[in-house]
Amino acid sequence: MSWQQYVDDQLVGAGLCQGAILSVADGSVWAKSAGISISAAEGAGLVALFKNPSSVFSSGVNVGGVKYMGIKGEESSIYGKKGAGGIVLVRTVQTIIVGIYDEKFQPGPAALAVEKLGDYLRDNSY
């Protein structure tokens, strides 16, 4: 399966409004859904955030020109919130998975969709 298929089927297909898969090495975008724009600086910022996940509480998460308030910062998962929507980031061996949800999708199922894809990729050494 291609990276784009993971985004389309496992993230957007699960109900997230936007999704992307980035390189854990430099934050470059490998695949993304329509409507999401992640700059090189934002990608590099996500890589840096996973090196010090507790900093999410002071710095937040910046993706697509939107700043999300950090609500969870762990070695493999970072969550942010903005209004009724939010963002879920999951780090695997090679990737950072980005899932963005809006008010039409609850945070629990959003986190489950992104974490489930992260578990699958980790189990397959990605």
PDB file of N, CA and C in Angstrom:
ATOM      1  N   MET A   1       0.851  -1.181   0.000  1.00  0.00           N
ATOM      2  CA  MET A   1       0.000   0.000   0.000  1.00  0.00           C
ATOM      3  C   MET A   1       0.894   1.241   0.000  1.00  0.00           C
ATOM      4  N   SER A   2       0.501   2.236  -0.775  1.00  0.00           N
ATOM      5  CA  SER A   2       1.294   3.469  -0.829  1.00  0.00           C
ATOM      6  C   SER A   2       0.964   4.355   0.364  1.00  0.00           C
ATOM      7  N   TRP A   3       1.847   5.315   0.630  1.00  0.00           N
ATOM      8  CA  TRP A   3       1.607   6.254   1.720  1.00  0.00           C
ATOM      9  C   TRP A   3       0.303   7.015   1.493  1.00  0.00           C
ATOM     10  N   GLN A   4       0.036   7.358   0.237  1.00  0.00           N
ATOM     11  CA  GLN A   4      -1.189   8.086  -0.072  1.00  0.00           C
ATOM     12  C   GLN A   4      -2.426   7.252   0.253  1.00  0.00           C
ATOM     13  N   GLN A   5      -2.366   5.959  -0.010  1.00  0.00           N
ATOM     14  CA  GLN A   5      -3.497   5.084   0.313  1.00  0.00           C
ATOM     15  C   GLN A   5      -3.738   5.028   1.816  1.00  0.00           C
ATOM     16  N   TYR A   6      -2.669   5.030   2.606  1.00  0.00           N
ATOM     17  CA  TYR A   6      -2.839   5.063   4.061  1.00  0.00           C
ATOM     18  C   TYR A   6      -3.581   6.330   4.484  1.00  0.00           C
ATOM     19  N   VAL A   7      -3.189   7.456   3.911  1.00  0.00           N
ATOM     20  CA  VAL A   7      -3.850   8.727   4.245  1.00  0.00           C
ATOM     21  C   VAL A   7      -5.319   8.677   3.830  1.00  0.00           C
ATOM     22  N   ASP A   8      -5.568   8.270   2.593  1.00  0.00           N
ATOM     23  CA  ASP A   8      -6.931   8.274   2.062  1.00  0.00           C
ATOM     24  C   ASP A   8      -7.832   7.264   2.760  1.00  0.00           C
ATOM     25  N   ASP A   9      -7.337   6.037   2.958  1.00  0.00           N
ATOM     26  CA  ASP A   9      -8.172   4.957   3.489  1.00  0.00           C
ATOM     27  C   ASP A   9      -8.231   4.931   5.011  1.00  0.00           C
ATOM     28  N   GLN A  10      -7.086   5.078   5.682  1.00  0.00           N
ATOM     29  CA  GLN A  10      -7.028   4.892   7.128  1.00  0.00           C
ATOM     30  C   GLN A  10      -7.265   6.169   7.932  1.00  0.00           C
ATOM     31  N   LEU A  11      -7.013   7.313   7.352  1.00  0.00           N
ATOM     32  CA  LEU A  11      -7.217   8.577   8.075  1.00  0.00           C
ATOM     33  C   LEU A  11      -8.499   9.266   7.607  1.00  0.00           C
ATOM     34  N   VAL A  12      -8.517   9.732   6.376  1.00  0.00           N
ATOM     35  CA  VAL A  12      -9.700  10.419   5.857  1.00  0.00           C
ATOM     36  C   VAL A  12     -10.879   9.436   5.778  1.00  0.00           C
ATOM     37  N   GLY A  13     -10.602   8.200   5.377  1.00  0.00           N
ATOM     38  CA  GLY A  13     -11.657   7.187   5.303  1.00  0.00           C
ATOM     39  C   GLY A  13     -12.267   6.862   6.651  1.00  0.00           C
ATOM     40  N   ALA A  14     -11.525   7.105   7.734  1.00  0.00           N
ATOM     41  CA  ALA A  14     -12.028   6.857   9.091  1.00  0.00           C
ATOM     42  C   ALA A  14     -12.868   8.016   9.619  1.00  0.00           C
ATOM     43  N   GLY A  15     -12.864   9.154   8.897  1.00  0.00           N
ATOM     44  CA  GLY A  15     -13.676  10.284   9.319  1.00  0.00           C
ATOM     45  C   GLY A  15     -12.910  11.551   9.647  1.00  0.00           C
ATOM     46  N   LEU A  16     -11.576  11.476   9.665  1.00  0.00           N
ATOM     47  CA  LEU A  16     -10.788  12.690   9.897  1.00  0.00           C
ATOM     48  C   LEU A  16     -10.953  13.625   8.704  1.00  0.00           C
ATOM     49  N   CYS A  17     -10.954  14.922   8.936  1.00  0.00           N
ATOM     50  CA  CYS A  17     -11.148  15.841   7.822  1.00  0.00           C
ATOM     51  C   CYS A  17      -9.871  16.024   6.995  1.00  0.00           C
ATOM     52  N   GLN A  18      -8.700  15.838   7.615  1.00  0.00           N
ATOM     53  CA  GLN A  18      -7.435  15.949   6.892  1.00  0.00           C
ATOM     54  C   GLN A  18      -6.415  15.010   7.524  1.00  0.00           C
ATOM     55  N   GLY A  19      -5.443  14.601   6.711  1.00  0.00           N
ATOM     56  CA  GLY A  19      -4.388  13.758   7.229  1.00  0.00           C
ATOM     57  C   GLY A  19      -3.133  13.870   6.390  1.00  0.00           C
ATOM     58  N   ALA A  20      -2.023  13.440   6.978  1.00  0.00           N
ATOM     59  CA  ALA A  20      -0.750  13.464   6.263  1.00  0.00           C
ATOM     60  C   ALA A  20       0.205  12.472   6.914  1.00  0.00           C
ATOM     61  N   ILE A  21       1.213  12.066   6.137  1.00  0.00           N
ATOM     62  CA  ILE A  21       2.303  11.246   6.651  1.00  0.00           C
ATOM     63  C   ILE A  21       3.594  11.952   6.273  1.00  0.00           C
ATOM     64  N   LEU A  22       4.431  12.193   7.294  1.00  0.00           N
ATOM     65  CA  LEU A  22       5.692  12.907   7.124  1.00  0.00           C
ATOM     66  C   LEU A  22       6.861  12.000   7.477  1.00  0.00           C
ATOM     67  N   SER A  23       8.030  12.357   7.000  1.00  0.00           N
ATOM     68  CA  SER A  23       9.262  11.672   7.378  1.00  0.00           C
ATOM     69  C   SER A  23       9.650  12.067   8.790  1.00  0.00           C
ATOM     70  N   VAL A  24       9.994  11.079   9.618  1.00  0.00           N
ATOM     71  CA  VAL A  24      10.431  11.376  10.977  1.00  0.00           C
ATOM     72  C   VAL A  24      11.845  11.988  10.968  1.00  0.00           C
ATOM     73  N   ALA A  25      12.575  11.798   9.882  1.00  0.00           N
ATOM     74  CA  ALA A  25      13.949  12.307   9.804  1.00  0.00           C
ATOM     75  C   ALA A  25      13.997  13.827   9.641  1.00  0.00           C
ATOM     76  N   ASP A  26      13.154  14.358   8.731  1.00  0.00           N
ATOM     77  CA  ASP A  26      13.241  15.797   8.442  1.00  0.00           C
ATOM     78  C   ASP A  26      11.892  16.505   8.348  1.00  0.00           C
ATOM     79  N   GLY A  27      10.790  15.773   8.503  1.00  0.00           N
ATOM     80  CA  GLY A  27       9.470  16.388   8.450  1.00  0.00           C
ATOM     81  C   GLY A  27       8.944  16.630   7.060  1.00  0.00           C
ATOM     82  N   SER A  28       9.631  16.094   6.035  1.00  0.00           N
ATOM     83  CA  SER A  28       9.124  16.270   4.675  1.00  0.00           C
ATOM     84  C   SER A  28       7.838  15.464   4.499  1.00  0.00           C
ATOM     85  N   VAL A  29       6.936  15.990   3.678  1.00  0.00           N
ATOM     86  CA  VAL A  29       5.626  15.375   3.469  1.00  0.00           C
ATOM     87  C   VAL A  29       5.745  14.247   2.448  1.00  0.00           C
ATOM     88  N   TRP A  30       5.320  13.048   2.864  1.00  0.00           N
ATOM     89  CA  TRP A  30       5.314  11.887   1.967  1.00  0.00           C
ATOM     90  C   TRP A  30       3.956  11.714   1.294  1.00  0.00           C
ATOM     91  N   ALA A  31       2.888  12.065   2.007  1.00  0.00           N
ATOM     92  CA  ALA A  31       1.539  11.959   1.461  1.00  0.00           C
ATOM     93  C   ALA A  31       0.635  12.875   2.282  1.00  0.00           C
ATOM     94  N   LYS A  32      -0.416  13.401   1.630  1.00  0.00           N
ATOM     95  CA  LYS A  32      -1.333  14.294   2.355  1.00  0.00           C
ATOM     96  C   LYS A  32      -2.681  14.284   1.676  1.00  0.00           C
ATOM     97  N   SER A  33      -3.693  14.645   2.445  1.00  0.00           N
ATOM     98  CA  SER A  33      -5.036  14.759   1.900  1.00  0.00           C
ATOM     99  C   SER A  33      -5.230  16.147   1.297  1.00  0.00           C
ATOM    100  N   ALA A  34      -6.308  16.300   0.586  1.00  0.00           N
ATOM    101  CA  ALA A  34      -6.642  17.595   0.008  1.00  0.00           C
ATOM    102  C   ALA A  34      -6.908  18.598   1.127  1.00  0.00           C
ATOM    103  N   GLY A  35      -6.479  19.822   0.897  1.00  0.00           N
ATOM    104  CA  GLY A  35      -6.786  20.893   1.838  1.00  0.00           C
ATOM    105  C   GLY A  35      -5.788  21.082   2.963  1.00  0.00           C
ATOM    106  N   ILE A  36      -4.826  20.188   3.112  1.00  0.00           N
ATOM    107  CA  ILE A  36      -3.839  20.359   4.181  1.00  0.00           C
ATOM    108  C   ILE A  36      -2.538  20.846   3.546  1.00  0.00           C
ATOM    109  N   SER A  37      -1.931  21.803   4.188  1.00  0.00           N
ATOM    110  CA  SER A  37      -0.664  22.348   3.723  1.00  0.00           C
ATOM    111  C   SER A  37       0.293  22.382   4.905  1.00  0.00           C
ATOM    112  N   ILE A  38       1.379  21.651   4.792  1.00  0.00           N
ATOM    113  CA  ILE A  38       2.379  21.609   5.864  1.00  0.00           C
ATOM    114  C   ILE A  38       3.693  22.132   5.290  1.00  0.00           C
ATOM    115  N   SER A  39       4.123  23.275   5.777  1.00  0.00           N
ATOM    116  CA  SER A  39       5.360  23.871   5.278  1.00  0.00           C
ATOM    117  C   SER A  39       6.568  23.077   5.780  1.00  0.00           C
ATOM    118  N   ALA A  40       7.719  23.310   5.146  1.00  0.00           N
ATOM    119  CA  ALA A  40       8.949  22.652   5.570  1.00  0.00           C
ATOM    120  C   ALA A  40       9.278  23.008   7.018  1.00  0.00           C
ATOM    121  N   ALA A  41       9.050  24.266   7.382  1.00  0.00           N
ATOM    122  CA  ALA A  41       9.319  24.702   8.762  1.00  0.00           C
ATOM    123  C   ALA A  41       8.382  24.010   9.745  1.00  0.00           C
ATOM    124  N   GLU A  42       7.105  23.854   9.375  1.00  0.00           N
ATOM    125  CA  GLU A  42       6.167  23.154  10.256  1.00  0.00           C
ATOM    126  C   GLU A  42       6.543  21.684  10.401  1.00  0.00           C
ATOM    127  N   GLY A  43       6.945  21.053   9.293  1.00  0.00           N
ATOM    128  CA  GLY A  43       7.375  19.652   9.350  1.00  0.00           C
ATOM    129  C   GLY A  43       8.585  19.482  10.254  1.00  0.00           C
ATOM    130  N   ALA A  44       9.563  20.372  10.107  1.00  0.00           N
ATOM    131  CA  ALA A  44      10.748  20.327  10.967  1.00  0.00           C
ATOM    132  C   ALA A  44      10.359  20.584  12.423  1.00  0.00           C
ATOM    133  N   GLY A  45       9.367  21.454  12.627  1.00  0.00           N
ATOM    134  CA  GLY A  45       8.890  21.734  13.976  1.00  0.00           C
ATOM    135  C   GLY A  45       8.249  20.516  14.622  1.00  0.00           C
ATOM    136  N   LEU A  46       7.543  19.698  13.838  1.00  0.00           N
ATOM    137  CA  LEU A  46       6.940  18.476  14.372  1.00  0.00           C
ATOM    138  C   LEU A  46       8.013  17.467  14.764  1.00  0.00           C
ATOM    139  N   VAL A  47       9.061  17.360  13.949  1.00  0.00           N
ATOM    140  CA  VAL A  47      10.182  16.475  14.293  1.00  0.00           C
ATOM    141  C   VAL A  47      10.792  16.925  15.616  1.00  0.00           C
ATOM    142  N   ALA A  48      11.022  18.219  15.757  1.00  0.00           N
ATOM    143  CA  ALA A  48      11.601  18.769  16.993  1.00  0.00           C
ATOM    144  C   ALA A  48      10.677  18.544  18.185  1.00  0.00           C
ATOM    145  N   LEU A  49       9.384  18.643  17.959  1.00  0.00           N
ATOM    146  CA  LEU A  49       8.411  18.442  19.038  1.00  0.00           C
ATOM    147  C   LEU A  49       8.499  17.021  19.604  1.00  0.00           C
ATOM    148  N   PHE A  50       8.722  16.037  18.737  1.00  0.00           N
ATOM    149  CA  PHE A  50       8.842  14.657  19.213  1.00  0.00           C
ATOM    150  C   PHE A  50      10.163  14.399  19.936  1.00  0.00           C
ATOM    151  N   LYS A  51      11.141  15.264  19.742  1.00  0.00           N
ATOM    152  CA  LYS A  51      12.396  15.133  20.497  1.00  0.00           C
ATOM    153  C   LYS A  51      12.234  15.640  21.922  1.00  0.00           C
ATOM    154  N   ASN A  52      11.256  16.525  22.142  1.00  0.00           N
ATOM    155  CA  ASN A  52      10.952  17.062  23.467  1.00  0.00           C
ATOM    156  C   ASN A  52       9.433  17.239  23.573  1.00  0.00           C
ATOM    157  N   PRO A  53       8.699  16.110  23.683  1.00  0.00           N
ATOM    158  CA  PRO A  53       7.234  16.182  23.604  1.00  0.00           C
ATOM    159  C   PRO A  53       6.560  17.019  24.682  1.00  0.00           C
ATOM    160  N   SER A  54       7.179  17.155  25.834  1.00  0.00           N
ATOM    161  CA  SER A  54       6.542  17.957  26.889  1.00  0.00           C
ATOM    162  C   SER A  54       6.496  19.441  26.528  1.00  0.00           C
ATOM    163  N   SER A  55       7.285  19.863  25.545  1.00  0.00           N
ATOM    164  CA  SER A  55       7.262  21.266  25.131  1.00  0.00           C
ATOM    165  C   SER A  55       5.960  21.637  24.424  1.00  0.00           C
ATOM    166  N   VAL A  56       5.154  20.636  24.054  1.00  0.00           N
ATOM    167  CA  VAL A  56       3.879  20.918  23.394  1.00  0.00           C
ATOM    168  C   VAL A  56       2.962  21.751  24.284  1.00  0.00           C
ATOM    169  N   PHE A  57       3.113  21.608  25.613  1.00  0.00           N
ATOM    170  CA  PHE A  57       2.244  22.346  26.528  1.00  0.00           C
ATOM    171  C   PHE A  57       2.540  23.840  26.529  1.00  0.00           C
ATOM    172  N   SER A  58       3.764  24.222  26.226  1.00  0.00           N
ATOM    173  CA  SER A  58       4.108  25.644  26.169  1.00  0.00           C
ATOM    174  C   SER A  58       4.093  26.193  24.746  1.00  0.00           C
ATOM    175  N   SER A  59       4.461  25.364  23.764  1.00  0.00           N
ATOM    176  CA  SER A  59       4.578  25.865  22.395  1.00  0.00           C
ATOM    177  C   SER A  59       3.379  25.551  21.511  1.00  0.00           C
ATOM    178  N   GLY A  60       2.593  24.535  21.858  1.00  0.00           N
ATOM    179  CA  GLY A  60       1.478  24.131  21.011  1.00  0.00           C
ATOM    180  C   GLY A  60       1.962  23.363  19.795  1.00  0.00           C
ATOM    181  N   VAL A  61       1.055  23.110  18.885  1.00  0.00           N
ATOM    182  CA  VAL A  61       1.347  22.392  17.636  1.00  0.00           C
ATOM    183  C   VAL A  61       0.930  23.293  16.489  1.00  0.00           C
ATOM    184  N   ASN A  62       1.840  23.529  15.554  1.00  0.00           N
ATOM    185  CA  ASN A  62       1.553  24.381  14.403  1.00  0.00           C
ATOM    186  C   ASN A  62       1.545  23.547  13.126  1.00  0.00           C
ATOM    187  N   VAL A  63       0.380  23.481  12.480  1.00  0.00           N
ATOM    188  CA  VAL A  63       0.231  22.749  11.221  1.00  0.00           C
ATOM    189  C   VAL A  63      -0.732  23.516  10.328  1.00  0.00           C
ATOM    190  N   GLY A  64      -0.332  23.711   9.085  1.00  0.00           N
ATOM    191  CA  GLY A  64      -1.206  24.381   8.127  1.00  0.00           C
ATOM    192  C   GLY A  64      -1.544  25.808   8.498  1.00  0.00           C
ATOM    193  N   GLY A  65      -0.643  26.467   9.210  1.00  0.00           N
ATOM    194  CA  GLY A  65      -0.889  27.838   9.634  1.00  0.00           C
ATOM    195  C   GLY A  65      -1.830  27.959  10.818  1.00  0.00           C
ATOM    196  N   VAL A  66      -2.193  26.827  11.418  1.00  0.00           N
ATOM    197  CA  VAL A  66      -3.095  26.811  12.574  1.00  0.00           C
ATOM    198  C   VAL A  66      -2.301  26.368  13.794  1.00  0.00           C
ATOM    199  N   LYS A  67      -2.493  27.074  14.902  1.00  0.00           N
ATOM    200  CA  LYS A  67      -1.838  26.701  16.150  1.00  0.00           C
ATOM    201  C   LYS A  67      -2.841  25.997  17.054  1.00  0.00           C
ATOM    202  N   TYR A  68      -2.493  24.770  17.460  1.00  0.00           N
ATOM    203  CA  TYR A  68      -3.320  23.972  18.353  1.00  0.00           C
ATOM    204  C   TYR A  68      -2.708  23.999  19.751  1.00  0.00           C
ATOM    205  N   MET A  69      -3.556  24.078  20.766  1.00  0.00           N
ATOM    206  CA  MET A  69      -3.099  24.042  22.152  1.00  0.00           C
ATOM    207  C   MET A  69      -2.718  22.589  22.485  1.00  0.00           C
ATOM    208  N   GLY A  70      -1.519  22.393  23.022  1.00  0.00           N
ATOM    209  CA  GLY A  70      -1.060  21.059  23.382  1.00  0.00           C
ATOM    210  C   GLY A  70      -1.815  20.500  24.574  1.00  0.00           C
ATOM    211  N   ILE A  71      -2.356  19.281  24.435  1.00  0.00           N
ATOM    212  CA  ILE A  71      -3.074  18.653  25.540  1.00  0.00           C
ATOM    213  C   ILE A  71      -2.491  17.286  25.916  1.00  0.00           C
ATOM    214  N   LYS A  72      -1.582  16.752  25.093  1.00  0.00           N
ATOM    215  CA  LYS A  72      -0.895  15.497  25.420  1.00  0.00           C
ATOM    216  C   LYS A  72       0.453  15.530  24.737  1.00  0.00           C
ATOM    217  N   GLY A  73       1.494  15.194  25.476  1.00  0.00           N
ATOM    218  CA  GLY A  73       2.832  15.172  24.909  1.00  0.00           C
ATOM    219  C   GLY A  73       3.610  13.978  25.415  1.00  0.00           C
ATOM    220  N   GLU A  74       3.656  12.925  24.634  1.00  0.00           N
ATOM    221  CA  GLU A  74       4.389  11.710  24.992  1.00  0.00           C
ATOM    222  C   GLU A  74       5.359  11.359  23.873  1.00  0.00           C
ATOM    223  N   GLU A  75       6.219  10.406  24.139  1.00  0.00           N
ATOM    224  CA  GLU A  75       7.261  10.019  23.188  1.00  0.00           C
ATOM    225  C   GLU A  75       6.707   9.609  21.824  1.00  0.00           C
ATOM    226  N   SER A  76       5.550   8.959  21.795  1.00  0.00           N
ATOM    227  CA  SER A  76       5.011   8.489  20.521  1.00  0.00           C
ATOM    228  C   SER A  76       3.702   9.168  20.119  1.00  0.00           C
ATOM    229  N   SER A  77       3.124   9.997  20.969  1.00  0.00           N
ATOM    230  CA  SER A  77       1.850  10.647  20.655  1.00  0.00           C
ATOM    231  C   SER A  77       1.809  12.074  21.185  1.00  0.00           C
ATOM    232  N   ILE A  78       1.322  12.977  20.335  1.00  0.00           N
ATOM    233  CA  ILE A  78       1.121  14.367  20.719  1.00  0.00           C
ATOM    234  C   ILE A  78      -0.263  14.772  20.231  1.00  0.00           C
ATOM    235  N   TYR A  79      -1.056  15.366  21.128  1.00  0.00           N
ATOM    236  CA  TYR A  79      -2.407  15.799  20.786  1.00  0.00           C
ATOM    237  C   TYR A  79      -2.523  17.303  21.004  1.00  0.00           C
ATOM    238  N   GLY A  80      -3.324  17.929  20.154  1.00  0.00           N
ATOM    239  CA  GLY A  80      -3.608  19.339  20.305  1.00  0.00           C
ATOM    240  C   GLY A  80      -5.074  19.613  20.062  1.00  0.00           C
ATOM    241  N   LYS A  81      -5.542  20.758  20.542  1.00  0.00           N
ATOM    242  CA  LYS A  81      -6.950  21.115  20.437  1.00  0.00           C
ATOM    243  C   LYS A  81      -7.080  22.572  20.010  1.00  0.00           C
ATOM    244  N   LYS A  82      -8.078  22.833  19.194  1.00  0.00           N
ATOM    245  CA  LYS A  82      -8.434  24.210  18.821  1.00  0.00           C
ATOM    246  C   LYS A  82      -9.944  24.231  18.637  1.00  0.00           C
ATOM    247  N   GLY A  83     -10.624  24.912  19.533  1.00  0.00           N
ATOM    248  CA  GLY A  83     -12.083  24.934  19.484  1.00  0.00           C
ATOM    249  C   GLY A  83     -12.637  23.536  19.669  1.00  0.00           C
ATOM    250  N   ALA A  84     -13.584  23.157  18.811  1.00  0.00           N
ATOM    251  CA  ALA A  84     -14.180  21.821  18.892  1.00  0.00           C
ATOM    252  C   ALA A  84     -13.393  20.796  18.092  1.00  0.00           C
ATOM    253  N   GLY A  85     -12.360  21.221  17.396  1.00  0.00           N
ATOM    254  CA  GLY A  85     -11.531  20.324  16.598  1.00  0.00           C
ATOM    255  C   GLY A  85     -10.180  20.104  17.243  1.00  0.00           C
ATOM    256  N   GLY A  86      -9.322  19.397  16.522  1.00  0.00           N
ATOM    257  CA  GLY A  86      -8.000  19.161  17.072  1.00  0.00           C
ATOM    258  C   GLY A  86      -7.106  18.405  16.127  1.00  0.00           C
ATOM    259  N   ILE A  87      -5.953  18.010  16.655  1.00  0.00           N
ATOM    260  CA  ILE A  87      -4.932  17.315  15.882  1.00  0.00           C
ATOM    261  C   ILE A  87      -4.363  16.177  16.712  1.00  0.00           C
ATOM    262  N   VAL A  88      -4.069  15.064  16.026  1.00  0.00           N
ATOM    263  CA  VAL A  88      -3.431  13.911  16.655  1.00  0.00           C
ATOM    264  C   VAL A  88      -2.183  13.607  15.843  1.00  0.00           C
ATOM    265  N   LEU A  89      -1.039  13.548  16.521  1.00  0.00           N
ATOM    266  CA  LEU A  89       0.235  13.207  15.892  1.00  0.00           C
ATOM    267  C   LEU A  89       0.748  11.920  16.516  1.00  0.00           C
ATOM    268  N   VAL A  90       1.173  10.987  15.683  1.00  0.00           N
ATOM    269  CA  VAL A  90       1.734   9.728  16.171  1.00  0.00           C
ATOM    270  C   VAL A  90       3.049   9.491  15.454  1.00  0.00           C
ATOM    271  N   ARG A  91       4.078   9.189  16.238  1.00  0.00           N
ATOM    272  CA  ARG A  91       5.414   8.922  15.696  1.00  0.00           C
ATOM    273  C   ARG A  91       5.634   7.420  15.603  1.00  0.00           C
ATOM    274  N   THR A  92       6.150   6.975  14.457  1.00  0.00           N
ATOM    275  CA  THR A  92       6.569   5.583  14.291  1.00  0.00           C
ATOM    276  C   THR A  92       8.071   5.596  14.012  1.00  0.00           C
ATOM    277  N   VAL A  93       8.608   4.474  13.626  1.00  0.00           N
ATOM    278  CA  VAL A  93      10.046   4.383  13.352  1.00  0.00           C
ATOM    279  C   VAL A  93      10.456   5.346  12.227  1.00  0.00           C
ATOM    280  N   GLN A  94       9.650   5.403  11.153  1.00  0.00           N
ATOM    281  CA  GLN A  94      10.005   6.208   9.986  1.00  0.00           C
ATOM    282  C   GLN A  94       9.102   7.405   9.732  1.00  0.00           C
ATOM    283  N   THR A  95       7.948   7.458  10.402  1.00  0.00           N
ATOM    284  CA  THR A  95       6.954   8.458  10.028  1.00  0.00           C
ATOM    285  C   THR A  95       6.414   9.264  11.214  1.00  0.00           C
ATOM    286  N   ILE A  96       5.811  10.372  10.868  1.00  0.00           N
ATOM    287  CA  ILE A  96       4.929  11.105  11.777  1.00  0.00           C
ATOM    288  C   ILE A  96       3.584  11.140  11.066  1.00  0.00           C
ATOM    289  N   ILE A  97       2.576  10.580  11.710  1.00  0.00           N
ATOM    290  CA  ILE A  97       1.231  10.562  11.152  1.00  0.00           C
ATOM    291  C   ILE A  97       0.476  11.753  11.723  1.00  0.00           C
ATOM    292  N   VAL A  98      -0.188  12.499  10.855  1.00  0.00           N
ATOM    293  CA  VAL A  98      -0.938  13.684  11.247  1.00  0.00           C
ATOM    294  C   VAL A  98      -2.409  13.452  10.931  1.00  0.00           C
ATOM    295  N   GLY A  99      -3.261  13.578  11.935  1.00  0.00           N
ATOM    296  CA  GLY A  99      -4.701  13.490  11.732  1.00  0.00           C
ATOM    297  C   GLY A  99      -5.370  14.725  12.301  1.00  0.00           C
ATOM    298  N   ILE A 100      -6.176  15.404  11.501  1.00  0.00           N
ATOM    299  CA  ILE A 100      -6.875  16.605  11.938  1.00  0.00           C
ATOM    300  C   ILE A 100      -8.372  16.336  11.889  1.00  0.00           C
ATOM    301  N   TYR A 101      -9.054  16.663  12.983  1.00  0.00           N
ATOM    302  CA  TYR A 101     -10.500  16.459  13.042  1.00  0.00           C
ATOM    303  C   TYR A 101     -11.190  17.783  13.345  1.00  0.00           C
ATOM    304  N   ASP A 102     -12.470  17.845  12.961  1.00  0.00           N
ATOM    305  CA  ASP A 102     -13.260  19.053  13.226  1.00  0.00           C
ATOM    306  C   ASP A 102     -14.395  18.714  14.187  1.00  0.00           C
ATOM    307  N   GLU A 103     -15.328  19.644  14.329  1.00  0.00           N
ATOM    308  CA  GLU A 103     -16.411  19.470  15.297  1.00  0.00           C
ATOM    309  C   GLU A 103     -17.354  18.320  14.945  1.00  0.00           C
ATOM    310  N   LYS A 104     -17.287  17.811  13.723  1.00  0.00           N
ATOM    311  CA  LYS A 104     -18.158  16.711  13.312  1.00  0.00           C
ATOM    312  C   LYS A 104     -17.631  15.349  13.758  1.00  0.00           C
ATOM    313  N   PHE A 105     -16.405  15.306  14.269  1.00  0.00           N
ATOM    314  CA  PHE A 105     -15.766  14.032  14.634  1.00  0.00           C
ATOM    315  C   PHE A 105     -15.240  14.164  16.057  1.00  0.00           C
ATOM    316  N   GLN A 106     -15.526  13.221  16.880  1.00  0.00           N
ATOM    317  CA  GLN A 106     -15.135  13.276  18.287  1.00  0.00           C
ATOM    318  C   GLN A 106     -13.639  12.995  18.466  1.00  0.00           C
ATOM    319  N   PRO A 107     -13.005  13.557  19.492  1.00  0.00           N
ATOM    320  CA  PRO A 107     -11.573  13.351  19.732  1.00  0.00           C
ATOM    321  C   PRO A 107     -11.194  11.876  19.941  1.00  0.00           C
ATOM    322  N   GLY A 108     -12.028  11.116  20.647  1.00  0.00           N
ATOM    323  CA  GLY A 108     -11.706   9.706  20.915  1.00  0.00           C
ATOM    324  C   GLY A 108     -11.558   8.880  19.653  1.00  0.00           C
ATOM    325  N   PRO A 109     -12.559   8.869  18.757  1.00  0.00           N
ATOM    326  CA  PRO A 109     -12.405   8.119  17.510  1.00  0.00           C
ATOM    327  C   PRO A 109     -11.278   8.658  16.626  1.00  0.00           C
ATOM    328  N   ALA A 110     -11.026   9.967  16.674  1.00  0.00           N
ATOM    329  CA  ALA A 110      -9.929  10.545  15.899  1.00  0.00           C
ATOM    330  C   ALA A 110      -8.591   9.984  16.385  1.00  0.00           C
ATOM    331  N   ALA A 111      -8.396   9.993  17.699  1.00  0.00           N
ATOM    332  CA  ALA A 111      -7.155   9.457  18.267  1.00  0.00           C
ATOM    333  C   ALA A 111      -7.030   7.975  17.964  1.00  0.00           C
ATOM    334  N   LEU A 112      -8.119   7.235  18.072  1.00  0.00           N
ATOM    335  CA  LEU A 112      -8.094   5.802  17.803  1.00  0.00           C
ATOM    336  C   LEU A 112      -7.660   5.505  16.370  1.00  0.00           C
ATOM    337  N   ALA A 113      -8.182   6.260  15.408  1.00  0.00           N
ATOM    338  CA  ALA A 113      -7.838   6.041  13.998  1.00  0.00           C
ATOM    339  C   ALA A 113      -6.345   6.263  13.751  1.00  0.00           C
ATOM    340  N   VAL A 114      -5.806   7.358  14.298  1.00  0.00           N
ATOM    341  CA  VAL A 114      -4.390   7.682  14.064  1.00  0.00           C
ATOM    342  C   VAL A 114      -3.490   6.715  14.838  1.00  0.00           C
ATOM    343  N   GLU A 115      -3.834   6.422  16.087  1.00  0.00           N
ATOM    344  CA  GLU A 115      -3.031   5.491  16.897  1.00  0.00           C
ATOM    345  C   GLU A 115      -3.041   4.085  16.293  1.00  0.00           C
ATOM    346  N   LYS A 116      -4.181   3.668  15.751  1.00  0.00           N
ATOM    347  CA  LYS A 116      -4.288   2.343  15.136  1.00  0.00           C
ATOM    348  C   LYS A 116      -3.366   2.237  13.920  1.00  0.00           C
ATOM    349  N   LEU A 117      -3.339   3.268  13.090  1.00  0.00           N
ATOM    350  CA  LEU A 117      -2.432   3.275  11.940  1.00  0.00           C
ATOM    351  C   LEU A 117      -0.985   3.286  12.430  1.00  0.00           C
ATOM    352  N   GLY A 118      -0.702   4.050  13.472  1.00  0.00           N
ATOM    353  CA  GLY A 118       0.650   4.074  14.039  1.00  0.00           C
ATOM    354  C   GLY A 118       1.071   2.703  14.539  1.00  0.00           C
ATOM    355  N   ASP A 119       0.180   2.006  15.233  1.00  0.00           N
ATOM    356  CA  ASP A 119       0.496   0.651  15.712  1.00  0.00           C
ATOM    357  C   ASP A 119       0.787  -0.287  14.553  1.00  0.00           C
ATOM    358  N   TYR A 120      -0.026  -0.199  13.506  1.00  0.00           N
ATOM    359  CA  TYR A 120       0.171  -1.063  12.333  1.00  0.00           C
ATOM    360  C   TYR A 120       1.539  -0.789  11.687  1.00  0.00           C
ATOM    361  N   LEU A 121       1.866   0.485  11.500  1.00  0.00           N
ATOM    362  CA  LEU A 121       3.152   0.817  10.884  1.00  0.00           C
ATOM    363  C   LEU A 121       4.331   0.391  11.759  1.00  0.00           C
ATOM    364  N   ARG A 122       4.220   0.589  13.068  1.00  0.00           N
ATOM    365  CA  ARG A 122       5.296   0.154  13.982  1.00  0.00           C
ATOM    366  C   ARG A 122       5.450  -1.363  13.935  1.00  0.00           C
ATOM    367  N   ASP A 123       4.329  -2.096  13.920  1.00  0.00           N
ATOM    368  CA  ASP A 123       4.374  -3.558  13.866  1.00  0.00           C
ATOM    369  C   ASP A 123       5.046  -4.061  12.594  1.00  0.00           C
ATOM    370  N   ASN A 124       5.022  -3.233  11.547  1.00  0.00           N
ATOM    371  CA  ASN A 124       5.628  -3.597  10.264  1.00  0.00           C
ATOM    372  C   ASN A 124       6.933  -2.846  10.019  1.00  0.00           C
ATOM    373  N   SER A 125       7.547  -2.359  11.101  1.00  0.00           N
ATOM    374  CA  SER A 125       8.858  -1.693  11.062  1.00  0.00           C
ATOM    375  C   SER A 125       8.892  -0.411  10.254  1.00  0.00           C
ATOM    376  N   TYR A 126       7.757   0.247  10.141  1.00  0.00           N
ATOM    377  CA  TYR A 126       7.708   1.559   9.496  1.00  0.00           C
ATOM    378  C   TYR A 126       7.566   2.626  10.556  1.00  0.00           C
TER     379      TYR A 126
END
